[in-house]
Amino acid sequence: MRTRVKICGFTRKDDALAAAALGVDAMGLVFYPPSPRNIGVEVAADIVSALPAFVSVVGLFVDAEPDWIRTVQAKVRIDCLQFHGDEAPEQCRMYDRAYIKAIRMQPGTDLARIQSGYGDAAGLLLDAWHPGVQGGTGSRFDWDLIPNDLTLPLILAGGLTADNAEHAVRSVRPYALDVSSGVEVAKGIKSPAKMAEFIRKTNQTL
C-alpha cells in the first residue's frame, strides 16, 4: 500500500499550490493562535479556493471552542478535522466531519485504550511529546512505542524529513506521514525542493 503524505502548517498560497503540483495527498492548516503556523480564516479560505481537485484539506485545532471550529468550517472548505489537544471523543465527533486525533507519544502511552475511545476516528496521528508544545516541535519519538495491533489508520509525525522518510515507511508501515518543519526554510514557509524530496522519498518506498 502506498504511504500517503500530509504536509502541515501552510501559511502561503504559493507554497500550497507548489505542494499540490508535487502530488501531496493532504495539507494541514493550523487554527491555533499560539502556533507560529497559525493562519487567519480569510487567508485559509484564499488558499483552499485555489487548490485543485483531490487534495484534502485538514484543519488543525487545539482545545478550541466549538463556535470557533464551526466558524472556520463555515468559511473554509475543511475535509477533515485534526484535534491536537485534550479533546474527548464526544468533542471530536460533534461536527459531522471526519476527524483525526493526535496523540503525543511518551513511554506508558496506552494506545490500545486510546484507540477504543476514538474508534470512529479517520486515523490516529502519533507525534512527539514535548512539555507545553502541541506538535510541530521537529522532534522524533521512539517508534518502538507503537504497537503492532493498531486497527485505526496510523499517521506518523514528529521529526520527519526527507532523510528519514524512507526509514519511517519501512519501519512503521504507516498509512501516512505528516511533515511540517522538516520541509521548511522557516516556520510556516515551505521549501518546494524539500517538499519534492520528501514526497519522492516516501513514494519510492513501496
N, C-alpha and C. Protein backbone atom coordinates (compact mmCIF):
# COMPACT_ATOMS: atom_id res chain seq x y z
N MET A 1 0.83 -1.19 0.00
CA MET A 1 0.00 0.00 0.00
C MET A 1 0.87 1.25 0.00
N ARG A 2 0.51 2.21 -0.81
CA ARG A 2 1.26 3.46 -0.87
C ARG A 2 1.04 4.27 0.40
N THR A 3 2.10 4.82 0.94
CA THR A 3 2.01 5.69 2.11
C THR A 3 1.66 7.10 1.65
N ARG A 4 0.59 7.62 2.21
CA ARG A 4 0.18 8.98 1.87
C ARG A 4 1.10 10.01 2.52
N VAL A 5 1.04 11.23 1.98
CA VAL A 5 1.83 12.34 2.53
C VAL A 5 0.91 13.50 2.86
N LYS A 6 0.98 13.94 4.10
CA LYS A 6 0.31 15.17 4.53
C LYS A 6 1.39 16.16 4.93
N ILE A 7 1.30 17.36 4.40
CA ILE A 7 2.19 18.44 4.79
C ILE A 7 1.35 19.45 5.56
N CYS A 8 1.82 19.81 6.73
CA CYS A 8 1.03 20.65 7.63
C CYS A 8 1.68 22.01 7.83
N GLY A 9 0.84 22.99 8.17
CA GLY A 9 1.34 24.30 8.56
C GLY A 9 1.55 25.27 7.42
N PHE A 10 0.73 25.21 6.38
CA PHE A 10 0.86 26.18 5.29
C PHE A 10 0.35 27.54 5.73
N THR A 11 1.07 28.55 5.31
CA THR A 11 0.66 29.93 5.59
C THR A 11 0.62 30.78 4.32
N ARG A 12 1.10 30.21 3.18
CA ARG A 12 1.17 30.98 1.94
C ARG A 12 0.55 30.17 0.80
N LYS A 13 -0.22 30.84 -0.04
CA LYS A 13 -0.89 30.16 -1.15
C LYS A 13 0.11 29.56 -2.12
N ASP A 14 1.18 30.25 -2.44
CA ASP A 14 2.15 29.73 -3.40
C ASP A 14 2.76 28.41 -2.91
N ASP A 15 3.02 28.32 -1.62
CA ASP A 15 3.57 27.07 -1.08
C ASP A 15 2.56 25.93 -1.22
N ALA A 16 1.28 26.23 -0.94
CA ALA A 16 0.25 25.21 -1.04
C ALA A 16 0.08 24.74 -2.49
N LEU A 17 0.11 25.66 -3.42
CA LEU A 17 -0.01 25.29 -4.82
C LEU A 17 1.18 24.47 -5.28
N ALA A 18 2.36 24.79 -4.79
CA ALA A 18 3.55 24.00 -5.12
C ALA A 18 3.41 22.58 -4.60
N ALA A 19 2.92 22.44 -3.37
CA ALA A 19 2.72 21.11 -2.79
C ALA A 19 1.70 20.31 -3.59
N ALA A 20 0.63 20.96 -4.00
CA ALA A 20 -0.39 20.27 -4.80
C ALA A 20 0.20 19.80 -6.12
N ALA A 21 1.00 20.64 -6.76
CA ALA A 21 1.61 20.26 -8.03
C ALA A 21 2.59 19.10 -7.86
N LEU A 22 3.18 18.98 -6.66
CA LEU A 22 4.13 17.90 -6.39
C LEU A 22 3.44 16.59 -6.04
N GLY A 23 2.12 16.64 -5.82
CA GLY A 23 1.37 15.42 -5.56
C GLY A 23 1.07 15.12 -4.12
N VAL A 24 1.09 16.13 -3.24
CA VAL A 24 0.76 15.89 -1.84
C VAL A 24 -0.68 15.40 -1.73
N ASP A 25 -0.94 14.51 -0.80
CA ASP A 25 -2.28 13.96 -0.62
C ASP A 25 -3.17 14.87 0.21
N ALA A 26 -2.59 15.49 1.24
CA ALA A 26 -3.36 16.33 2.14
C ALA A 26 -2.49 17.46 2.65
N MET A 27 -3.11 18.56 2.96
CA MET A 27 -2.36 19.67 3.55
C MET A 27 -3.11 20.19 4.77
N GLY A 28 -2.34 20.51 5.80
CA GLY A 28 -2.92 20.96 7.05
C GLY A 28 -2.82 22.46 7.22
N LEU A 29 -3.91 23.04 7.73
CA LEU A 29 -3.95 24.46 8.07
C LEU A 29 -4.17 24.57 9.57
N VAL A 30 -3.35 25.36 10.23
CA VAL A 30 -3.35 25.44 11.69
C VAL A 30 -4.20 26.62 12.14
N PHE A 31 -5.22 26.32 12.94
CA PHE A 31 -6.07 27.35 13.52
C PHE A 31 -5.88 27.34 15.04
N TYR A 32 -4.68 27.72 15.45
CA TYR A 32 -4.28 27.70 16.86
C TYR A 32 -3.36 28.88 17.10
N PRO A 33 -3.87 29.99 17.63
CA PRO A 33 -3.10 31.23 17.71
C PRO A 33 -1.70 31.13 18.30
N PRO A 34 -1.44 30.30 19.33
CA PRO A 34 -0.07 30.24 19.84
C PRO A 34 0.95 29.67 18.86
N SER A 35 0.49 28.99 17.83
CA SER A 35 1.42 28.36 16.88
C SER A 35 2.01 29.40 15.93
N PRO A 36 3.29 29.29 15.61
CA PRO A 36 3.89 30.18 14.60
C PRO A 36 3.33 29.93 13.21
N ARG A 37 2.60 28.82 13.05
CA ARG A 37 2.00 28.49 11.76
C ARG A 37 0.49 28.76 11.74
N ASN A 38 0.01 29.46 12.75
CA ASN A 38 -1.39 29.83 12.79
C ASN A 38 -1.77 30.66 11.57
N ILE A 39 -2.98 30.45 11.09
CA ILE A 39 -3.42 31.12 9.87
C ILE A 39 -4.79 31.73 10.10
N GLY A 40 -5.03 32.89 9.51
CA GLY A 40 -6.34 33.54 9.61
C GLY A 40 -7.35 32.87 8.69
N VAL A 41 -8.61 33.05 9.00
CA VAL A 41 -9.67 32.42 8.22
C VAL A 41 -9.67 32.92 6.78
N GLU A 42 -9.48 34.21 6.58
CA GLU A 42 -9.52 34.76 5.22
C GLU A 42 -8.37 34.22 4.38
N VAL A 43 -7.18 34.16 4.97
CA VAL A 43 -6.03 33.62 4.23
C VAL A 43 -6.26 32.14 3.93
N ALA A 44 -6.78 31.41 4.90
CA ALA A 44 -7.05 29.99 4.70
C ALA A 44 -8.05 29.78 3.56
N ALA A 45 -9.12 30.57 3.56
CA ALA A 45 -10.12 30.45 2.50
C ALA A 45 -9.52 30.74 1.13
N ASP A 46 -8.63 31.71 1.07
CA ASP A 46 -7.98 32.06 -0.20
C ASP A 46 -7.10 30.91 -0.69
N ILE A 47 -6.36 30.29 0.24
CA ILE A 47 -5.51 29.16 -0.13
C ILE A 47 -6.36 28.01 -0.65
N VAL A 48 -7.39 27.65 0.11
CA VAL A 48 -8.19 26.48 -0.23
C VAL A 48 -8.93 26.68 -1.55
N SER A 49 -9.40 27.88 -1.80
CA SER A 49 -10.14 28.14 -3.04
C SER A 49 -9.27 27.98 -4.28
N ALA A 50 -7.96 28.06 -4.12
CA ALA A 50 -7.04 27.94 -5.25
C ALA A 50 -6.59 26.51 -5.51
N LEU A 51 -6.90 25.58 -4.62
CA LEU A 51 -6.39 24.22 -4.75
C LEU A 51 -7.13 23.45 -5.84
N PRO A 52 -6.43 22.55 -6.51
CA PRO A 52 -7.09 21.69 -7.49
C PRO A 52 -7.86 20.57 -6.79
N ALA A 53 -8.58 19.80 -7.58
CA ALA A 53 -9.35 18.68 -7.03
C ALA A 53 -8.42 17.62 -6.45
N PHE A 54 -8.96 16.84 -5.51
CA PHE A 54 -8.31 15.65 -4.94
C PHE A 54 -7.15 15.96 -3.99
N VAL A 55 -7.11 17.18 -3.48
CA VAL A 55 -6.18 17.49 -2.39
C VAL A 55 -7.03 17.73 -1.14
N SER A 56 -6.85 16.89 -0.13
CA SER A 56 -7.66 17.01 1.08
C SER A 56 -7.12 18.14 1.96
N VAL A 57 -8.04 18.85 2.58
CA VAL A 57 -7.68 19.94 3.48
C VAL A 57 -8.02 19.53 4.91
N VAL A 58 -7.03 19.62 5.78
CA VAL A 58 -7.18 19.24 7.18
C VAL A 58 -7.05 20.50 8.05
N GLY A 59 -8.03 20.72 8.87
CA GLY A 59 -7.99 21.86 9.80
C GLY A 59 -7.55 21.41 11.17
N LEU A 60 -6.48 22.00 11.69
CA LEU A 60 -5.91 21.60 12.97
C LEU A 60 -6.36 22.57 14.06
N PHE A 61 -6.90 21.98 15.15
CA PHE A 61 -7.38 22.75 16.29
C PHE A 61 -6.82 22.16 17.58
N VAL A 62 -6.67 23.01 18.58
CA VAL A 62 -6.17 22.57 19.89
C VAL A 62 -7.13 23.08 20.96
N ASP A 63 -7.94 22.18 21.50
CA ASP A 63 -8.87 22.53 22.57
C ASP A 63 -9.67 23.79 22.24
N ALA A 64 -10.13 23.86 21.01
CA ALA A 64 -10.83 25.06 20.54
C ALA A 64 -12.29 25.06 20.97
N GLU A 65 -12.85 26.23 21.08
CA GLU A 65 -14.27 26.37 21.36
C GLU A 65 -15.07 25.89 20.15
N PRO A 66 -16.17 25.19 20.38
CA PRO A 66 -16.98 24.70 19.25
C PRO A 66 -17.41 25.80 18.30
N ASP A 67 -17.75 26.97 18.81
CA ASP A 67 -18.18 28.07 17.94
C ASP A 67 -17.07 28.48 16.98
N TRP A 68 -15.82 28.43 17.44
CA TRP A 68 -14.70 28.80 16.57
C TRP A 68 -14.52 27.77 15.47
N ILE A 69 -14.62 26.51 15.81
CA ILE A 69 -14.48 25.45 14.81
C ILE A 69 -15.59 25.58 13.76
N ARG A 70 -16.80 25.84 14.21
CA ARG A 70 -17.92 25.97 13.27
C ARG A 70 -17.76 27.22 12.40
N THR A 71 -17.19 28.27 12.96
CA THR A 71 -16.94 29.47 12.16
C THR A 71 -15.95 29.18 11.04
N VAL A 72 -14.88 28.47 11.37
CA VAL A 72 -13.90 28.10 10.35
C VAL A 72 -14.54 27.20 9.30
N GLN A 73 -15.32 26.22 9.74
CA GLN A 73 -15.98 25.32 8.80
C GLN A 73 -16.90 26.07 7.84
N ALA A 74 -17.54 27.09 8.33
CA ALA A 74 -18.48 27.84 7.51
C ALA A 74 -17.79 28.66 6.43
N LYS A 75 -16.52 29.01 6.66
CA LYS A 75 -15.83 29.91 5.75
C LYS A 75 -14.71 29.24 4.94
N VAL A 76 -14.27 28.06 5.38
CA VAL A 76 -13.16 27.37 4.72
C VAL A 76 -13.59 25.93 4.44
N ARG A 77 -13.30 25.45 3.23
CA ARG A 77 -13.62 24.05 2.92
C ARG A 77 -12.65 23.13 3.66
N ILE A 78 -13.13 22.55 4.73
CA ILE A 78 -12.33 21.64 5.54
C ILE A 78 -12.86 20.22 5.33
N ASP A 79 -12.00 19.32 4.85
CA ASP A 79 -12.42 17.94 4.61
C ASP A 79 -12.31 17.08 5.86
N CYS A 80 -11.37 17.41 6.72
CA CYS A 80 -11.10 16.58 7.89
C CYS A 80 -10.61 17.49 9.01
N LEU A 81 -11.06 17.21 10.24
CA LEU A 81 -10.62 17.97 11.41
C LEU A 81 -9.53 17.19 12.13
N GLN A 82 -8.52 17.89 12.60
CA GLN A 82 -7.44 17.27 13.37
C GLN A 82 -7.41 17.93 14.75
N PHE A 83 -7.59 17.09 15.78
CA PHE A 83 -7.64 17.59 17.14
C PHE A 83 -6.34 17.26 17.84
N HIS A 84 -5.63 18.31 18.26
CA HIS A 84 -4.28 18.15 18.78
C HIS A 84 -4.17 18.46 20.27
N GLY A 85 -5.33 18.55 20.95
CA GLY A 85 -5.30 18.87 22.37
C GLY A 85 -5.80 17.72 23.21
N ASP A 86 -6.56 18.05 24.23
CA ASP A 86 -7.10 17.05 25.16
C ASP A 86 -8.57 16.77 24.89
N GLU A 87 -9.00 16.92 23.65
CA GLU A 87 -10.41 16.75 23.31
C GLU A 87 -10.88 15.32 23.58
N ALA A 88 -12.01 15.20 24.25
CA ALA A 88 -12.63 13.90 24.47
C ALA A 88 -13.27 13.42 23.18
N PRO A 89 -13.52 12.11 23.06
CA PRO A 89 -14.11 11.59 21.82
C PRO A 89 -15.39 12.32 21.41
N GLU A 90 -16.27 12.59 22.37
CA GLU A 90 -17.54 13.24 22.02
C GLU A 90 -17.33 14.66 21.50
N GLN A 91 -16.23 15.30 21.89
CA GLN A 91 -15.93 16.63 21.38
C GLN A 91 -15.41 16.59 19.96
N CYS A 92 -14.84 15.47 19.56
CA CYS A 92 -14.29 15.34 18.22
C CYS A 92 -15.35 14.98 17.18
N ARG A 93 -16.39 14.31 17.63
CA ARG A 93 -17.36 13.76 16.68
C ARG A 93 -18.63 14.59 16.55
N MET A 94 -18.61 15.83 17.03
CA MET A 94 -19.83 16.64 17.06
C MET A 94 -19.95 17.59 15.87
N TYR A 95 -19.06 17.47 14.88
CA TYR A 95 -19.04 18.44 13.79
C TYR A 95 -19.44 17.86 12.44
N ASP A 96 -19.94 16.62 12.43
CA ASP A 96 -20.37 15.99 11.18
C ASP A 96 -19.26 16.02 10.13
N ARG A 97 -18.05 15.70 10.58
CA ARG A 97 -16.89 15.72 9.69
C ARG A 97 -15.91 14.64 10.14
N ALA A 98 -15.23 14.03 9.19
CA ALA A 98 -14.18 13.07 9.55
C ALA A 98 -13.15 13.77 10.43
N TYR A 99 -12.58 13.01 11.38
CA TYR A 99 -11.60 13.63 12.26
C TYR A 99 -10.42 12.70 12.53
N ILE A 100 -9.31 13.34 12.84
CA ILE A 100 -8.08 12.66 13.25
C ILE A 100 -7.79 13.10 14.68
N LYS A 101 -7.41 12.16 15.52
CA LYS A 101 -6.99 12.51 16.88
C LYS A 101 -5.48 12.37 16.99
N ALA A 102 -4.83 13.45 17.38
CA ALA A 102 -3.38 13.44 17.56
C ALA A 102 -3.04 13.01 18.99
N ILE A 103 -2.05 12.15 19.09
CA ILE A 103 -1.58 11.63 20.38
C ILE A 103 -0.10 11.97 20.51
N ARG A 104 0.27 12.63 21.60
CA ARG A 104 1.69 12.93 21.85
C ARG A 104 2.29 11.75 22.61
N MET A 105 3.20 11.05 21.94
CA MET A 105 3.70 9.78 22.44
C MET A 105 4.79 9.95 23.48
N GLN A 106 4.71 9.12 24.53
CA GLN A 106 5.76 9.00 25.53
C GLN A 106 5.64 7.63 26.17
N PRO A 107 6.67 7.17 26.85
CA PRO A 107 6.58 5.86 27.49
C PRO A 107 5.35 5.77 28.40
N GLY A 108 4.62 4.67 28.26
CA GLY A 108 3.42 4.49 29.06
C GLY A 108 2.14 4.89 28.36
N THR A 109 2.22 5.51 27.19
CA THR A 109 1.02 5.86 26.44
C THR A 109 0.28 4.59 26.04
N ASP A 110 -0.96 4.48 26.45
CA ASP A 110 -1.76 3.27 26.20
C ASP A 110 -2.59 3.47 24.93
N LEU A 111 -1.99 3.15 23.80
CA LEU A 111 -2.68 3.37 22.54
C LEU A 111 -3.88 2.45 22.36
N ALA A 112 -3.85 1.26 22.93
CA ALA A 112 -5.00 0.37 22.82
C ALA A 112 -6.22 0.99 23.49
N ARG A 113 -6.03 1.58 24.66
CA ARG A 113 -7.14 2.23 25.35
C ARG A 113 -7.60 3.47 24.59
N ILE A 114 -6.64 4.25 24.11
CA ILE A 114 -6.98 5.46 23.37
C ILE A 114 -7.75 5.12 22.11
N GLN A 115 -7.29 4.11 21.40
CA GLN A 115 -7.94 3.70 20.17
C GLN A 115 -9.38 3.27 20.41
N SER A 116 -9.63 2.59 21.51
CA SER A 116 -11.00 2.15 21.79
C SER A 116 -11.92 3.33 22.04
N GLY A 117 -11.39 4.41 22.61
CA GLY A 117 -12.21 5.59 22.85
C GLY A 117 -12.50 6.39 21.60
N TYR A 118 -11.55 6.42 20.69
CA TYR A 118 -11.70 7.18 19.45
C TYR A 118 -11.90 6.23 18.26
N GLY A 119 -12.70 5.22 18.46
CA GLY A 119 -12.85 4.17 17.45
C GLY A 119 -13.42 4.62 16.13
N ASP A 120 -14.13 5.77 16.11
CA ASP A 120 -14.71 6.27 14.86
C ASP A 120 -13.81 7.29 14.17
N ALA A 121 -12.60 7.49 14.69
CA ALA A 121 -11.67 8.44 14.06
C ALA A 121 -11.23 7.93 12.69
N ALA A 122 -10.91 8.87 11.81
CA ALA A 122 -10.38 8.51 10.50
C ALA A 122 -8.92 8.10 10.58
N GLY A 123 -8.30 8.35 11.73
CA GLY A 123 -6.90 7.96 11.92
C GLY A 123 -6.40 8.49 13.25
N LEU A 124 -5.33 7.87 13.74
CA LEU A 124 -4.60 8.36 14.90
C LEU A 124 -3.28 8.93 14.41
N LEU A 125 -3.01 10.17 14.78
CA LEU A 125 -1.74 10.80 14.42
C LEU A 125 -0.83 10.76 15.63
N LEU A 126 0.31 10.11 15.48
CA LEU A 126 1.24 9.95 16.59
C LEU A 126 2.39 10.93 16.42
N ASP A 127 2.57 11.77 17.43
CA ASP A 127 3.55 12.85 17.37
C ASP A 127 4.43 12.78 18.62
N ALA A 128 5.49 13.55 18.63
CA ALA A 128 6.39 13.59 19.78
C ALA A 128 5.78 14.41 20.91
N TRP A 129 5.99 13.95 22.13
CA TRP A 129 5.56 14.70 23.30
C TRP A 129 6.63 15.72 23.68
N HIS A 130 6.17 16.92 23.97
CA HIS A 130 7.09 17.95 24.45
C HIS A 130 6.30 18.83 25.42
N PRO A 131 6.83 19.12 26.59
CA PRO A 131 6.05 19.88 27.57
C PRO A 131 5.65 21.25 27.05
N GLY A 132 4.35 21.51 27.07
CA GLY A 132 3.85 22.82 26.70
C GLY A 132 3.75 23.08 25.22
N VAL A 133 4.07 22.10 24.38
CA VAL A 133 4.03 22.28 22.93
C VAL A 133 3.11 21.23 22.34
N GLN A 134 2.17 21.66 21.50
CA GLN A 134 1.15 20.75 20.98
C GLN A 134 1.48 20.25 19.57
N GLY A 135 2.73 19.98 19.30
CA GLY A 135 3.11 19.50 17.98
C GLY A 135 3.96 20.52 17.24
N GLY A 136 4.49 20.10 16.09
CA GLY A 136 5.34 20.99 15.32
C GLY A 136 6.68 21.26 15.96
N THR A 137 7.13 20.33 16.80
CA THR A 137 8.39 20.55 17.51
C THR A 137 9.61 20.18 16.68
N GLY A 138 9.41 19.38 15.63
CA GLY A 138 10.54 18.90 14.86
C GLY A 138 11.28 17.76 15.55
N SER A 139 10.70 17.23 16.62
CA SER A 139 11.33 16.15 17.38
C SER A 139 10.69 14.81 17.04
N ARG A 140 11.50 13.79 17.09
CA ARG A 140 11.03 12.44 16.81
C ARG A 140 10.85 11.68 18.13
N PHE A 141 9.85 10.79 18.18
CA PHE A 141 9.69 9.94 19.35
C PHE A 141 10.17 8.53 19.02
N ASP A 142 10.22 7.70 20.03
CA ASP A 142 10.68 6.32 19.86
C ASP A 142 9.61 5.50 19.16
N TRP A 143 9.86 5.13 17.92
CA TRP A 143 8.85 4.39 17.15
C TRP A 143 8.59 3.00 17.72
N ASP A 144 9.46 2.51 18.57
CA ASP A 144 9.22 1.21 19.21
C ASP A 144 8.05 1.26 20.18
N LEU A 145 7.58 2.48 20.52
CA LEU A 145 6.42 2.60 21.39
C LEU A 145 5.12 2.27 20.66
N ILE A 146 5.17 2.16 19.36
CA ILE A 146 3.96 1.92 18.57
C ILE A 146 3.65 0.42 18.54
N PRO A 147 2.49 0.01 19.03
CA PRO A 147 2.15 -1.42 18.98
C PRO A 147 1.84 -1.86 17.56
N ASN A 148 1.90 -3.16 17.35
CA ASN A 148 1.67 -3.71 16.01
C ASN A 148 0.21 -3.99 15.72
N ASP A 149 -0.66 -3.84 16.72
CA ASP A 149 -2.04 -4.27 16.55
C ASP A 149 -3.03 -3.12 16.45
N LEU A 150 -2.56 -1.94 16.06
CA LEU A 150 -3.49 -0.84 15.87
C LEU A 150 -4.42 -1.15 14.70
N THR A 151 -5.69 -0.85 14.86
CA THR A 151 -6.65 -1.09 13.78
C THR A 151 -7.01 0.20 13.04
N LEU A 152 -6.86 1.35 13.70
CA LEU A 152 -7.11 2.62 13.02
C LEU A 152 -5.92 2.99 12.13
N PRO A 153 -6.17 3.70 11.03
CA PRO A 153 -5.05 4.17 10.20
C PRO A 153 -4.06 4.97 11.03
N LEU A 154 -2.78 4.66 10.88
CA LEU A 154 -1.71 5.30 11.64
C LEU A 154 -1.05 6.38 10.81
N ILE A 155 -1.04 7.59 11.33
CA ILE A 155 -0.39 8.72 10.69
C ILE A 155 0.82 9.08 11.55
N LEU A 156 2.00 8.98 10.99
CA LEU A 156 3.23 9.19 11.75
C LEU A 156 3.73 10.61 11.56
N ALA A 157 4.00 11.28 12.67
CA ALA A 157 4.52 12.65 12.65
C ALA A 157 5.68 12.74 13.64
N GLY A 158 6.32 13.90 13.63
CA GLY A 158 7.38 14.14 14.60
C GLY A 158 8.78 13.92 14.06
N GLY A 159 9.46 15.00 13.74
CA GLY A 159 10.87 14.92 13.34
C GLY A 159 11.12 14.28 11.99
N LEU A 160 10.13 14.27 11.13
CA LEU A 160 10.30 13.64 9.82
C LEU A 160 10.95 14.62 8.84
N THR A 161 11.84 14.06 8.02
CA THR A 161 12.49 14.80 6.94
C THR A 161 12.66 13.86 5.76
N ALA A 162 13.16 14.38 4.67
CA ALA A 162 13.46 13.52 3.53
C ALA A 162 14.53 12.48 3.88
N ASP A 163 15.37 12.80 4.85
CA ASP A 163 16.45 11.88 5.22
C ASP A 163 15.95 10.64 5.94
N ASN A 164 14.83 10.75 6.65
CA ASN A 164 14.34 9.57 7.38
C ASN A 164 12.98 9.07 6.92
N ALA A 165 12.42 9.67 5.87
CA ALA A 165 11.09 9.27 5.39
C ALA A 165 11.07 7.81 4.96
N GLU A 166 12.07 7.39 4.21
CA GLU A 166 12.11 6.01 3.74
C GLU A 166 12.22 5.05 4.92
N HIS A 167 13.06 5.37 5.90
CA HIS A 167 13.21 4.53 7.09
C HIS A 167 11.89 4.47 7.86
N ALA A 168 11.19 5.60 7.94
CA ALA A 168 9.91 5.63 8.65
C ALA A 168 8.89 4.71 7.99
N VAL A 169 8.83 4.75 6.69
CA VAL A 169 7.87 3.90 5.97
C VAL A 169 8.20 2.42 6.16
N ARG A 170 9.47 2.08 6.04
CA ARG A 170 9.86 0.67 6.15
C ARG A 170 9.73 0.16 7.59
N SER A 171 9.98 1.01 8.56
CA SER A 171 9.98 0.58 9.95
C SER A 171 8.58 0.53 10.56
N VAL A 172 7.77 1.54 10.26
CA VAL A 172 6.47 1.68 10.92
C VAL A 172 5.32 1.21 10.04
N ARG A 173 5.47 1.29 8.73
CA ARG A 173 4.40 0.94 7.80
C ARG A 173 3.14 1.74 8.08
N PRO A 174 3.26 3.06 8.16
CA PRO A 174 2.09 3.88 8.49
C PRO A 174 1.17 4.07 7.29
N TYR A 175 -0.03 4.47 7.57
CA TYR A 175 -0.95 4.86 6.50
C TYR A 175 -0.45 6.13 5.82
N ALA A 176 0.10 7.04 6.62
CA ALA A 176 0.56 8.32 6.08
C ALA A 176 1.70 8.87 6.93
N LEU A 177 2.50 9.72 6.32
CA LEU A 177 3.49 10.53 7.02
C LEU A 177 2.99 11.97 7.04
N ASP A 178 3.21 12.63 8.16
CA ASP A 178 2.79 14.02 8.34
C ASP A 178 4.03 14.84 8.68
N VAL A 179 4.35 15.79 7.83
CA VAL A 179 5.57 16.57 7.99
C VAL A 179 5.22 18.05 8.02
N SER A 180 5.97 18.81 8.79
CA SER A 180 5.79 20.26 8.82
C SER A 180 7.15 20.94 8.78
N SER A 181 7.84 20.99 9.92
CA SER A 181 9.13 21.69 9.97
C SER A 181 10.18 21.05 9.08
N GLY A 182 10.03 19.75 8.81
CA GLY A 182 11.03 19.03 8.00
C GLY A 182 11.07 19.43 6.54
N VAL A 183 10.10 20.26 6.10
CA VAL A 183 10.12 20.72 4.70
C VAL A 183 10.08 22.25 4.65
N GLU A 184 10.59 22.89 5.70
CA GLU A 184 10.54 24.34 5.79
C GLU A 184 11.92 24.98 5.71
N VAL A 185 11.91 26.24 5.30
CA VAL A 185 13.10 27.08 5.40
C VAL A 185 12.98 28.03 6.58
N ALA A 186 11.76 28.23 7.06
CA ALA A 186 11.45 28.99 8.26
C ALA A 186 10.06 28.55 8.69
N LYS A 187 9.68 28.84 9.93
CA LYS A 187 8.39 28.36 10.42
C LYS A 187 7.24 28.91 9.58
N GLY A 188 6.50 27.97 8.97
CA GLY A 188 5.38 28.35 8.12
C GLY A 188 5.75 28.64 6.68
N ILE A 189 7.03 28.62 6.36
CA ILE A 189 7.50 28.88 4.99
C ILE A 189 8.06 27.59 4.42
N LYS A 190 7.38 27.02 3.43
CA LYS A 190 7.77 25.73 2.89
C LYS A 190 8.79 25.87 1.77
N SER A 191 9.64 24.86 1.65
CA SER A 191 10.63 24.79 0.59
C SER A 191 10.13 23.84 -0.49
N PRO A 192 9.89 24.30 -1.71
CA PRO A 192 9.46 23.38 -2.77
C PRO A 192 10.44 22.22 -2.97
N ALA A 193 11.72 22.51 -2.86
CA ALA A 193 12.71 21.45 -3.05
C ALA A 193 12.61 20.40 -1.95
N LYS A 194 12.44 20.84 -0.70
CA LYS A 194 12.33 19.89 0.41
C LYS A 194 11.03 19.11 0.32
N MET A 195 9.95 19.77 -0.07
CA MET A 195 8.68 19.05 -0.24
C MET A 195 8.80 18.00 -1.33
N ALA A 196 9.41 18.36 -2.44
CA ALA A 196 9.57 17.42 -3.54
C ALA A 196 10.38 16.21 -3.12
N GLU A 197 11.46 16.44 -2.39
CA GLU A 197 12.32 15.33 -1.97
C GLU A 197 11.61 14.45 -0.94
N PHE A 198 10.85 15.07 -0.04
CA PHE A 198 10.12 14.28 0.95
C PHE A 198 9.08 13.39 0.28
N ILE A 199 8.33 13.94 -0.63
CA ILE A 199 7.31 13.15 -1.34
C ILE A 199 7.96 12.06 -2.16
N ARG A 200 9.07 12.38 -2.82
CA ARG A 200 9.76 11.38 -3.63
C ARG A 200 10.26 10.22 -2.77
N LYS A 201 10.88 10.55 -1.64
CA LYS A 201 11.42 9.50 -0.77
C LYS A 201 10.30 8.62 -0.19
N THR A 202 9.18 9.23 0.13
CA THR A 202 8.05 8.46 0.65
C THR A 202 7.46 7.56 -0.42
N ASN A 203 7.27 8.10 -1.59
CA ASN A 203 6.61 7.35 -2.66
C ASN A 203 7.48 6.25 -3.25
N GLN A 204 8.80 6.37 -3.11
CA GLN A 204 9.65 5.34 -3.69
C GLN A 204 9.71 4.10 -2.82
N THR A 205 9.18 4.20 -1.60
CA THR A 205 9.24 3.08 -0.67
C THR A 205 7.91 2.33 -0.71
N LEU A 206 7.78 1.40 -1.61
CA LEU A 206 6.53 0.64 -1.77
C LEU A 206 6.72 -0.79 -1.32
